[in-house]
PDB file of N, CA and C in Angstrom:
ATOM      1  N   UNK A   1       0.827  -1.194   0.000  1.00  0.00           N
ATOM      2  CA  UNK A   1       0.000   0.000   0.000  1.00  0.00           C
ATOM      3  C   UNK A   1       0.873   1.262   0.000  1.00  0.00           C
ATOM      4  N   UNK A   2       1.983   1.233   0.776  1.00  0.00           N
ATOM      5  CA  UNK A   2       2.875   2.392   0.807  1.00  0.00           C
ATOM      6  C   UNK A   2       3.498   2.633  -0.562  1.00  0.00           C
ATOM      7  N   UNK A   3       3.795   1.540  -1.259  1.00  0.00           N
ATOM      8  CA  UNK A   3       4.402   1.660  -2.575  1.00  0.00           C
ATOM      9  C   UNK A   3       3.432   2.336  -3.552  1.00  0.00           C
ATOM     10  N   UNK A   4       2.159   1.976  -3.483  1.00  0.00           N
ATOM     11  CA  UNK A   4       1.138   2.568  -4.347  1.00  0.00           C
ATOM     12  C   UNK A   4       0.988   4.060  -4.066  1.00  0.00           C
ATOM     13  N   UNK A   5       0.964   4.427  -2.807  1.00  0.00           N
ATOM     14  CA  UNK A   5       0.839   5.844  -2.432  1.00  0.00           C
ATOM     15  C   UNK A   5       2.059   6.630  -2.914  1.00  0.00           C
ATOM     16  N   UNK A   6       3.224   6.051  -2.767  1.00  0.00           N
ATOM     17  CA  UNK A   6       4.444   6.710  -3.238  1.00  0.00           C
ATOM     18  C   UNK A   6       4.407   6.915  -4.745  1.00  0.00           C
ATOM     19  N   UNK A   7       3.969   5.911  -5.480  1.00  0.00           N
ATOM     20  CA  UNK A   7       3.867   6.020  -6.937  1.00  0.00           C
ATOM     21  C   UNK A   7       2.868   7.104  -7.322  1.00  0.00           C
ATOM     22  N   UNK A   8       1.736   7.157  -6.648  1.00  0.00           N
ATOM     23  CA  UNK A   8       0.724   8.174  -6.940  1.00  0.00           C
ATOM     24  C   UNK A   8       1.248   9.585  -6.660  1.00  0.00           C
ATOM     25  N   UNK A   9       1.997   9.740  -5.592  1.00  0.00           N
ATOM     26  CA  UNK A   9       2.566  11.052  -5.260  1.00  0.00           C
ATOM     27  C   UNK A   9       3.581  11.479  -6.323  1.00  0.00           C
ATOM     28  N   UNK A  10       4.407  10.535  -6.751  1.00  0.00           N
ATOM     29  CA  UNK A  10       5.405  10.840  -7.793  1.00  0.00           C
ATOM     30  C   UNK A  10       4.706  11.220  -9.097  1.00  0.00           C
ATOM     31  N   UNK A  11       3.693  10.473  -9.485  1.00  0.00           N
ATOM     32  CA  UNK A  11       2.959  10.781 -10.717  1.00  0.00           C
ATOM     33  C   UNK A  11       2.271  12.147 -10.641  1.00  0.00           C
ATOM     34  N   UNK A  12       1.662  12.440  -9.505  1.00  0.00           N
ATOM     35  CA  UNK A  12       1.011  13.740  -9.335  1.00  0.00           C
ATOM     36  C   UNK A  12       2.027  14.876  -9.429  1.00  0.00           C
ATOM     37  N   UNK A  13       3.207  14.672  -8.866  1.00  0.00           N
ATOM     38  CA  UNK A  13       4.263  15.683  -8.941  1.00  0.00           C
ATOM     39  C   UNK A  13       4.717  15.894 -10.380  1.00  0.00           C
ATOM     40  N   UNK A  14       4.880  14.804 -11.113  1.00  0.00           N
ATOM     41  CA  UNK A  14       5.296  14.909 -12.508  1.00  0.00           C
ATOM     42  C   UNK A  14       4.268  15.643 -13.355  1.00  0.00           C
ATOM     43  N   UNK A  15       2.992  15.323 -13.158  1.00  0.00           N
ATOM     44  CA  UNK A  15       1.944  16.006 -13.916  1.00  0.00           C
ATOM     45  C   UNK A  15       1.905  17.497 -13.583  1.00  0.00           C
ATOM     46  N   UNK A  16       2.158  17.839 -12.341  1.00  0.00           N
ATOM     47  CA  UNK A  16       2.191  19.251 -11.942  1.00  0.00           C
ATOM     48  C   UNK A  16       3.356  19.959 -12.621  1.00  0.00           C
ATOM     49  N   UNK A  17       4.527  19.352 -12.635  1.00  0.00           N
ATOM     50  CA  UNK A  17       5.698  19.958 -13.282  1.00  0.00           C
ATOM     51  C   UNK A  17       5.495  20.116 -14.780  1.00  0.00           C
ATOM     52  N   UNK A  18       4.898  19.109 -15.417  1.00  0.00           N
ATOM     53  CA  UNK A  18       4.650  19.192 -16.858  1.00  0.00           C
ATOM     54  C   UNK A  18       3.658  20.308 -17.147  1.00  0.00           C
ATOM     55  N   UNK A  19       2.641  20.446 -16.342  1.00  0.00           N
ATOM     56  CA  UNK A  19       1.661  21.513 -16.527  1.00  0.00           C
ATOM     57  C   UNK A  19       2.274  22.892 -16.388  1.00  0.00           C
ATOM     58  N   UNK A  20       3.214  23.037 -15.474  1.00  0.00           N
ATOM     59  CA  UNK A  20       3.868  24.325 -15.275  1.00  0.00           C
ATOM     60  C   UNK A  20       4.816  24.621 -16.430  1.00  0.00           C
ATOM     61  N   UNK A  21       5.553  23.622 -16.878  1.00  0.00           N
ATOM     62  CA  UNK A  21       6.558  23.864 -17.912  1.00  0.00           C
ATOM     63  C   UNK A  21       5.944  24.119 -19.281  1.00  0.00           C
ATOM     64  N   UNK A  22       4.734  23.649 -19.528  1.00  0.00           N
ATOM     65  CA  UNK A  22       4.075  23.886 -20.803  1.00  0.00           C
ATOM     66  C   UNK A  22       2.927  24.860 -20.629  1.00  0.00           C
ATOM     67  N   UNK A  23       3.216  25.995 -20.055  1.00  0.00           N
ATOM     68  CA  UNK A  23       2.187  26.997 -19.798  1.00  0.00           C
ATOM     69  C   UNK A  23       2.043  27.882 -21.032  1.00  0.00           C
ATOM     70  N   UNK A  24       1.318  27.395 -22.039  1.00  0.00           N
ATOM     71  CA  UNK A  24       1.082  28.146 -23.256  1.00  0.00           C
ATOM     72  C   UNK A  24      -0.275  28.827 -23.171  1.00  0.00           C
ATOM     73  N   UNK A  25      -0.396  29.923 -23.891  1.00  0.00           N
ATOM     74  CA  UNK A  25      -1.629  30.702 -23.875  1.00  0.00           C
ATOM     75  C   UNK A  25      -2.130  30.833 -25.303  1.00  0.00           C
ATOM     76  N   UNK A  26      -3.421  30.563 -25.519  1.00  0.00           N
ATOM     77  CA  UNK A  26      -4.027  30.727 -26.836  1.00  0.00           C
ATOM     78  C   UNK A  26      -4.521  32.163 -26.962  1.00  0.00           C
ATOM     79  N   UNK A  27      -4.144  32.811 -28.058  1.00  0.00           N
ATOM     80  CA  UNK A  27      -4.566  34.188 -28.314  1.00  0.00           C
ATOM     81  C   UNK A  27      -5.583  34.157 -29.450  1.00  0.00           C
ATOM     82  N   UNK A  28      -6.784  34.664 -29.190  1.00  0.00           N
ATOM     83  CA  UNK A  28      -7.811  34.702 -30.228  1.00  0.00           C
ATOM     84  C   UNK A  28      -7.470  35.767 -31.262  1.00  0.00           C
ATOM     85  N   UNK A  29      -7.969  35.594 -32.465  1.00  0.00           N
ATOM     86  CA  UNK A  29      -7.743  36.570 -33.520  1.00  0.00           C
ATOM     87  C   UNK A  29      -8.364  37.910 -33.146  1.00  0.00           C
ATOM     88  N   UNK A  30      -7.762  38.978 -33.619  1.00  0.00           N
ATOM     89  CA  UNK A  30      -8.277  40.324 -33.321  1.00  0.00           C
ATOM     90  C   UNK A  30      -7.859  41.288 -34.421  1.00  0.00           C
ATOM     91  N   UNK A  31      -8.493  42.470 -34.421  1.00  0.00           N
ATOM     92  CA  UNK A  31      -8.181  43.499 -35.403  1.00  0.00           C
ATOM     93  C   UNK A  31      -7.451  44.638 -34.702  1.00  0.00           C
ATOM     94  N   UNK A  32      -6.287  45.016 -35.254  1.00  0.00           N
ATOM     95  CA  UNK A  32      -5.525  46.133 -34.699  1.00  0.00           C
ATOM     96  C   UNK A  32      -6.187  47.457 -35.063  1.00  0.00           C
ATOM     97  N   UNK A  33      -5.715  48.528 -34.435  1.00  0.00           N
ATOM     98  CA  UNK A  33      -6.254  49.863 -34.724  1.00  0.00           C
ATOM     99  C   UNK A  33      -6.124  50.252 -36.192  1.00  0.00           C
ATOM    100  N   UNK A  34      -5.032  49.806 -36.816  1.00  0.00           N
ATOM    101  CA  UNK A  34      -4.809  50.169 -38.223  1.00  0.00           C
ATOM    102  C   UNK A  34      -5.599  49.287 -39.189  1.00  0.00           C
ATOM    103  N   UNK A  35      -6.432  48.374 -38.657  1.00  0.00           N
ATOM    104  CA  UNK A  35      -7.285  47.528 -39.487  1.00  0.00           C
ATOM    105  C   UNK A  35      -6.678  46.191 -39.857  1.00  0.00           C
ATOM    106  N   UNK A  36      -5.457  45.918 -39.431  1.00  0.00           N
ATOM    107  CA  UNK A  36      -4.797  44.651 -39.725  1.00  0.00           C
ATOM    108  C   UNK A  36      -5.373  43.549 -38.846  1.00  0.00           C
ATOM    109  N   UNK A  37      -5.735  42.424 -39.479  1.00  0.00           N
ATOM    110  CA  UNK A  37      -6.244  41.289 -38.724  1.00  0.00           C
ATOM    111  C   UNK A  37      -5.086  40.407 -38.292  1.00  0.00           C
ATOM    112  N   UNK A  38      -5.044  40.047 -37.024  1.00  0.00           N
ATOM    113  CA  UNK A  38      -4.020  39.153 -36.480  1.00  0.00           C
ATOM    114  C   UNK A  38      -4.656  37.780 -36.298  1.00  0.00           C
ATOM    115  N   UNK A  39      -4.048  36.784 -36.920  1.00  0.00           N
ATOM    116  CA  UNK A  39      -4.568  35.412 -36.856  1.00  0.00           C
ATOM    117  C   UNK A  39      -4.496  34.871 -35.429  1.00  0.00           C
ATOM    118  N   UNK A  40      -5.414  33.979 -35.044  1.00  0.00           N
ATOM    119  CA  UNK A  40      -5.293  33.316 -33.736  1.00  0.00           C
ATOM    120  C   UNK A  40      -3.982  32.527 -33.688  1.00  0.00           C
ATOM    121  N   UNK A  41      -3.366  32.466 -32.514  1.00  0.00           N
ATOM    122  CA  UNK A  41      -2.086  31.784 -32.385  1.00  0.00           C
ATOM    123  C   UNK A  41      -1.824  31.427 -30.932  1.00  0.00           C
ATOM    124  N   UNK A  42      -0.790  30.610 -30.730  1.00  0.00           N
ATOM    125  CA  UNK A  42      -0.332  30.239 -29.394  1.00  0.00           C
ATOM    126  C   UNK A  42       0.908  31.052 -29.071  1.00  0.00           C
ATOM    127  N   UNK A  43       1.092  31.384 -27.801  1.00  0.00           N
ATOM    128  CA  UNK A  43       2.309  32.050 -27.348  1.00  0.00           C
ATOM    129  C   UNK A  43       2.655  31.524 -25.966  1.00  0.00           C
ATOM    130  N   UNK A  44       3.895  31.761 -25.554  1.00  0.00           N
ATOM    131  CA  UNK A  44       4.301  31.329 -24.221  1.00  0.00           C
ATOM    132  C   UNK A  44       3.634  32.214 -23.179  1.00  0.00           C
ATOM    133  N   UNK A  45       3.421  31.658 -22.002  1.00  0.00           N
ATOM    134  CA  UNK A  45       2.780  32.368 -20.915  1.00  0.00           C
ATOM    135  C   UNK A  45       3.617  33.592 -20.541  1.00  0.00           C
ATOM    136  N   UNK A  46       3.007  34.784 -20.465  1.00  0.00           N
ATOM    137  CA  UNK A  46       3.792  35.977 -20.174  1.00  0.00           C
ATOM    138  C   UNK A  46       4.347  35.987 -18.752  1.00  0.00           C
ATOM    139  N   UNK A  47       5.577  36.446 -18.639  1.00  0.00           N
ATOM    140  CA  UNK A  47       6.204  36.646 -17.343  1.00  0.00           C
ATOM    141  C   UNK A  47       7.324  37.661 -17.538  1.00  0.00           C
ATOM    142  N   UNK A  48       8.123  37.874 -16.533  1.00  0.00           N
ATOM    143  CA  UNK A  48       9.167  38.896 -16.625  1.00  0.00           C
ATOM    144  C   UNK A  48      10.522  38.335 -17.046  1.00  0.00           C
ATOM    145  N   UNK A  49      10.592  37.042 -17.344  1.00  0.00           N
ATOM    146  CA  UNK A  49      11.869  36.430 -17.728  1.00  0.00           C
ATOM    147  C   UNK A  49      11.981  36.349 -19.245  1.00  0.00           C
ATOM    148  N   UNK A  50      12.953  36.995 -19.836  1.00  0.00           N
ATOM    149  CA  UNK A  50      13.088  36.932 -21.295  1.00  0.00           C
ATOM    150  C   UNK A  50      13.642  35.599 -21.796  1.00  0.00           C
ATOM    151  N   UNK A  51      14.334  34.848 -20.942  1.00  0.00           N
ATOM    152  CA  UNK A  51      15.012  33.624 -21.360  1.00  0.00           C
ATOM    153  C   UNK A  51      14.073  32.493 -21.746  1.00  0.00           C
ATOM    154  N   UNK A  52      12.867  32.481 -21.233  1.00  0.00           N
ATOM    155  CA  UNK A  52      11.964  31.378 -21.525  1.00  0.00           C
ATOM    156  C   UNK A  52      10.917  31.734 -22.584  1.00  0.00           C
ATOM    157  N   UNK A  53      11.126  32.815 -23.321  1.00  0.00           N
ATOM    158  CA  UNK A  53      10.225  33.177 -24.413  1.00  0.00           C
ATOM    159  C   UNK A  53      10.666  32.483 -25.691  1.00  0.00           C
ATOM    160  N   UNK A  54       9.717  32.157 -26.557  1.00  0.00           N
ATOM    161  CA  UNK A  54      10.059  31.485 -27.802  1.00  0.00           C
ATOM    162  C   UNK A  54      10.878  32.396 -28.706  1.00  0.00           C
ATOM    163  N   UNK A  55      10.752  33.716 -28.543  1.00  0.00           N
ATOM    164  CA  UNK A  55      11.491  34.640 -29.407  1.00  0.00           C
ATOM    165  C   UNK A  55      12.916  34.884 -28.920  1.00  0.00           C
ATOM    166  N   UNK A  56      13.289  34.351 -27.754  1.00  0.00           N
ATOM    167  CA  UNK A  56      14.655  34.515 -27.254  1.00  0.00           C
ATOM    168  C   UNK A  56      15.606  33.753 -28.174  1.00  0.00           C
ATOM    169  N   UNK A  57      16.683  34.405 -28.633  1.00  0.00           N
ATOM    170  CA  UNK A  57      17.599  33.766 -29.587  1.00  0.00           C
ATOM    171  C   UNK A  57      18.071  32.382 -29.136  1.00  0.00           C
ATOM    172  N   UNK A  58      17.868  31.408 -30.024  1.00  0.00           N
ATOM    173  CA  UNK A  58      18.264  30.031 -29.751  1.00  0.00           C
ATOM    174  C   UNK A  58      17.123  29.145 -29.297  1.00  0.00           C
ATOM    175  N   UNK A  59      16.051  29.714 -28.758  1.00  0.00           N
ATOM    176  CA  UNK A  59      14.909  28.910 -28.324  1.00  0.00           C
ATOM    177  C   UNK A  59      14.093  28.464 -29.531  1.00  0.00           C
ATOM    178  N   UNK A  60      13.420  27.321 -29.411  1.00  0.00           N
ATOM    179  CA  UNK A  60      12.633  26.766 -30.502  1.00  0.00           C
ATOM    180  C   UNK A  60      11.151  26.851 -30.163  1.00  0.00           C
ATOM    181  N   UNK A  61      10.372  27.370 -31.112  1.00  0.00           N
ATOM    182  CA  UNK A  61       8.920  27.423 -30.956  1.00  0.00           C
ATOM    183  C   UNK A  61       8.379  26.017 -31.182  1.00  0.00           C
ATOM    184  N   UNK A  62       7.719  25.410 -30.176  1.00  0.00           N
ATOM    185  CA  UNK A  62       7.264  24.023 -30.325  1.00  0.00           C
ATOM    186  C   UNK A  62       6.151  23.847 -31.352  1.00  0.00           C
ATOM    187  N   UNK A  63       5.460  24.914 -31.715  1.00  0.00           N
ATOM    188  CA  UNK A  63       4.359  24.814 -32.672  1.00  0.00           C
ATOM    189  C   UNK A  63       4.833  24.949 -34.115  1.00  0.00           C
ATOM    190  N   UNK A  64       5.880  25.735 -34.353  1.00  0.00           N
ATOM    191  CA  UNK A  64       6.377  25.923 -35.711  1.00  0.00           C
ATOM    192  C   UNK A  64       7.671  25.167 -35.959  1.00  0.00           C
ATOM    193  N   UNK A  65       8.402  24.821 -34.903  1.00  0.00           N
ATOM    194  CA  UNK A  65       9.678  24.142 -35.042  1.00  0.00           C
ATOM    195  C   UNK A  65      10.809  25.067 -35.440  1.00  0.00           C
ATOM    196  N   UNK A  66      10.541  26.375 -35.490  1.00  0.00           N
ATOM    197  CA  UNK A  66      11.579  27.327 -35.898  1.00  0.00           C
ATOM    198  C   UNK A  66      12.390  27.806 -34.701  1.00  0.00           C
ATOM    199  N   UNK A  67      13.701  27.922 -34.910  1.00  0.00           N
ATOM    200  CA  UNK A  67      14.618  28.438 -33.896  1.00  0.00           C
ATOM    201  C   UNK A  67      14.651  29.954 -34.035  1.00  0.00           C
ATOM    202  N   UNK A  68      14.552  30.668 -32.916  1.00  0.00           N
ATOM    203  CA  UNK A  68      14.570  32.132 -32.935  1.00  0.00           C
ATOM    204  C   UNK A  68      15.964  32.638 -33.278  1.00  0.00           C
ATOM    205  N   UNK A  69      16.062  33.502 -34.285  1.00  0.00           N
ATOM    206  CA  UNK A  69      17.366  34.045 -34.653  1.00  0.00           C
ATOM    207  C   UNK A  69      17.741  35.222 -33.767  1.00  0.00           C
ATOM    208  N   UNK A  70      18.950  35.693 -33.915  1.00  0.00           N
ATOM    209  CA  UNK A  70      19.344  36.917 -33.240  1.00  0.00           C
ATOM    210  C   UNK A  70      20.460  36.743 -32.241  1.00  0.00           C
ATOM    211  N   UNK A  71      20.799  37.848 -31.626  1.00  0.00           N
ATOM    212  CA  UNK A  71      21.869  37.936 -30.651  1.00  0.00           C
ATOM    213  C   UNK A  71      21.247  38.065 -29.265  1.00  0.00           C
ATOM    214  N   UNK A  72      21.609  37.191 -28.347  1.00  0.00           N
ATOM    215  CA  UNK A  72      21.016  37.193 -27.011  1.00  0.00           C
ATOM    216  C   UNK A  72      21.278  38.502 -26.271  1.00  0.00           C
ATOM    217  N   UNK A  73      22.476  39.066 -26.415  1.00  0.00           N
ATOM    218  CA  UNK A  73      22.786  40.334 -25.739  1.00  0.00           C
ATOM    219  C   UNK A  73      21.908  41.468 -26.250  1.00  0.00           C
ATOM    220  N   UNK A  74      21.704  41.524 -27.561  1.00  0.00           N
ATOM    221  CA  UNK A  74      20.865  42.586 -28.109  1.00  0.00           C
ATOM    222  C   UNK A  74      19.409  42.387 -27.693  1.00  0.00           C
ATOM    223  N   UNK A  75      18.989  41.136 -27.569  1.00  0.00           N
ATOM    224  CA  UNK A  75      17.618  40.838 -27.147  1.00  0.00           C
ATOM    225  C   UNK A  75      17.395  41.338 -25.724  1.00  0.00           C
ATOM    226  N   UNK A  76      18.338  41.037 -24.835  1.00  0.00           N
ATOM    227  CA  UNK A  76      18.211  41.423 -23.430  1.00  0.00           C
ATOM    228  C   UNK A  76      18.339  42.929 -23.262  1.00  0.00           C
ATOM    229  N   UNK A  77      19.394  43.486 -23.819  1.00  0.00           N
ATOM    230  CA  UNK A  77      19.673  44.902 -23.571  1.00  0.00           C
ATOM    231  C   UNK A  77      18.833  45.830 -24.439  1.00  0.00           C
ATOM    232  N   UNK A  78      18.178  45.295 -25.447  1.00  0.00           N
ATOM    233  CA  UNK A  78      17.324  46.115 -26.293  1.00  0.00           C
ATOM    234  C   UNK A  78      15.943  46.333 -25.714  1.00  0.00           C
ATOM    235  N   UNK A  79      15.634  45.654 -24.622  1.00  0.00           N
ATOM    236  CA  UNK A  79      14.319  45.786 -23.984  1.00  0.00           C
ATOM    237  C   UNK A  79      14.509  46.093 -22.509  1.00  0.00           C
ATOM    238  N   UNK A  80      13.490  46.668 -21.913  1.00  0.00           N
ATOM    239  CA  UNK A  80      13.553  46.974 -20.482  1.00  0.00           C
ATOM    240  C   UNK A  80      12.633  46.013 -19.745  1.00  0.00           C
ATOM    241  N   UNK A  81      13.206  45.072 -19.023  1.00  0.00           N
ATOM    242  CA  UNK A  81      12.434  44.098 -18.262  1.00  0.00           C
ATOM    243  C   UNK A  81      12.342  44.469 -16.788  1.00  0.00           C
ATOM    244  N   UNK A  82      12.721  45.696 -16.446  1.00  0.00           N
ATOM    245  CA  UNK A  82      12.629  46.111 -15.054  1.00  0.00           C
ATOM    246  C   UNK A  82      13.887  45.798 -14.271  1.00  0.00           C
ATOM    247  N   UNK A  83      14.873  45.220 -14.919  1.00  0.00           N
ATOM    248  CA  UNK A  83      16.154  44.976 -14.266  1.00  0.00           C
ATOM    249  C   UNK A  83      17.238  45.129 -15.312  1.00  0.00           C
ATOM    250  N   UNK A  84      18.427  45.395 -14.887  1.00  0.00           N
ATOM    251  CA  UNK A  84      19.532  45.583 -15.800  1.00  0.00           C
ATOM    252  C   UNK A  84      20.708  44.732 -15.344  1.00  0.00           C
ATOM    253  N   UNK A  85      21.245  43.950 -16.260  1.00  0.00           N
ATOM    254  CA  UNK A  85      22.401  43.108 -15.937  1.00  0.00           C
ATOM    255  C   UNK A  85      23.671  43.904 -16.195  1.00  0.00           C
ATOM    256  N   UNK A  86      24.613  43.777 -15.316  1.00  0.00           N
ATOM    257  CA  UNK A  86      25.906  44.387 -15.539  1.00  0.00           C
ATOM    258  C   UNK A  86      26.733  43.432 -16.392  1.00  0.00           C
ATOM    259  N   UNK A  87      27.825  43.913 -17.014  1.00  0.00           N
ATOM    260  CA  UNK A  87      28.650  42.999 -17.827  1.00  0.00           C
ATOM    261  C   UNK A  87      29.183  41.814 -17.028  1.00  0.00           C
ATOM    262  N   UNK A  88      29.306  41.948 -15.713  1.00  0.00           N
ATOM    263  CA  UNK A  88      29.815  40.851 -14.887  1.00  0.00           C
ATOM    264  C   UNK A  88      28.760  39.762 -14.660  1.00  0.00           C
ATOM    265  N   UNK A  89      27.487  40.076 -14.895  1.00  0.00           N
ATOM    266  CA  UNK A  89      26.415  39.107 -14.678  1.00  0.00           C
ATOM    267  C   UNK A  89      26.072  38.330 -15.945  1.00  0.00           C
ATOM    268  N   UNK A  90      26.692  38.636 -17.059  1.00  0.00           N
ATOM    269  CA  UNK A  90      26.377  37.947 -18.311  1.00  0.00           C
ATOM    270  C   UNK A  90      26.900  36.553 -18.331  1.00  0.00           C
TER     271      UNK A  90
END
């Protein structure tokens, strides 16, 4: 019985971790102010970390299979995420 409970706890933990790691958000189609229609699409769950976005250089979008191009330093320093890394933190 203890073995069964342990297995159930491990499985529940794994399902929780998988749910957290695949936190994707579906965006419904909409019309911009300039009249351009944006198709419905999936995107990564928004947060303040640039490293886990699909557009971060080197990351792969799981829906398109495309690797994001670009320079990681320009990606980080070209945007303001509310914090600034010094050259020693790179």
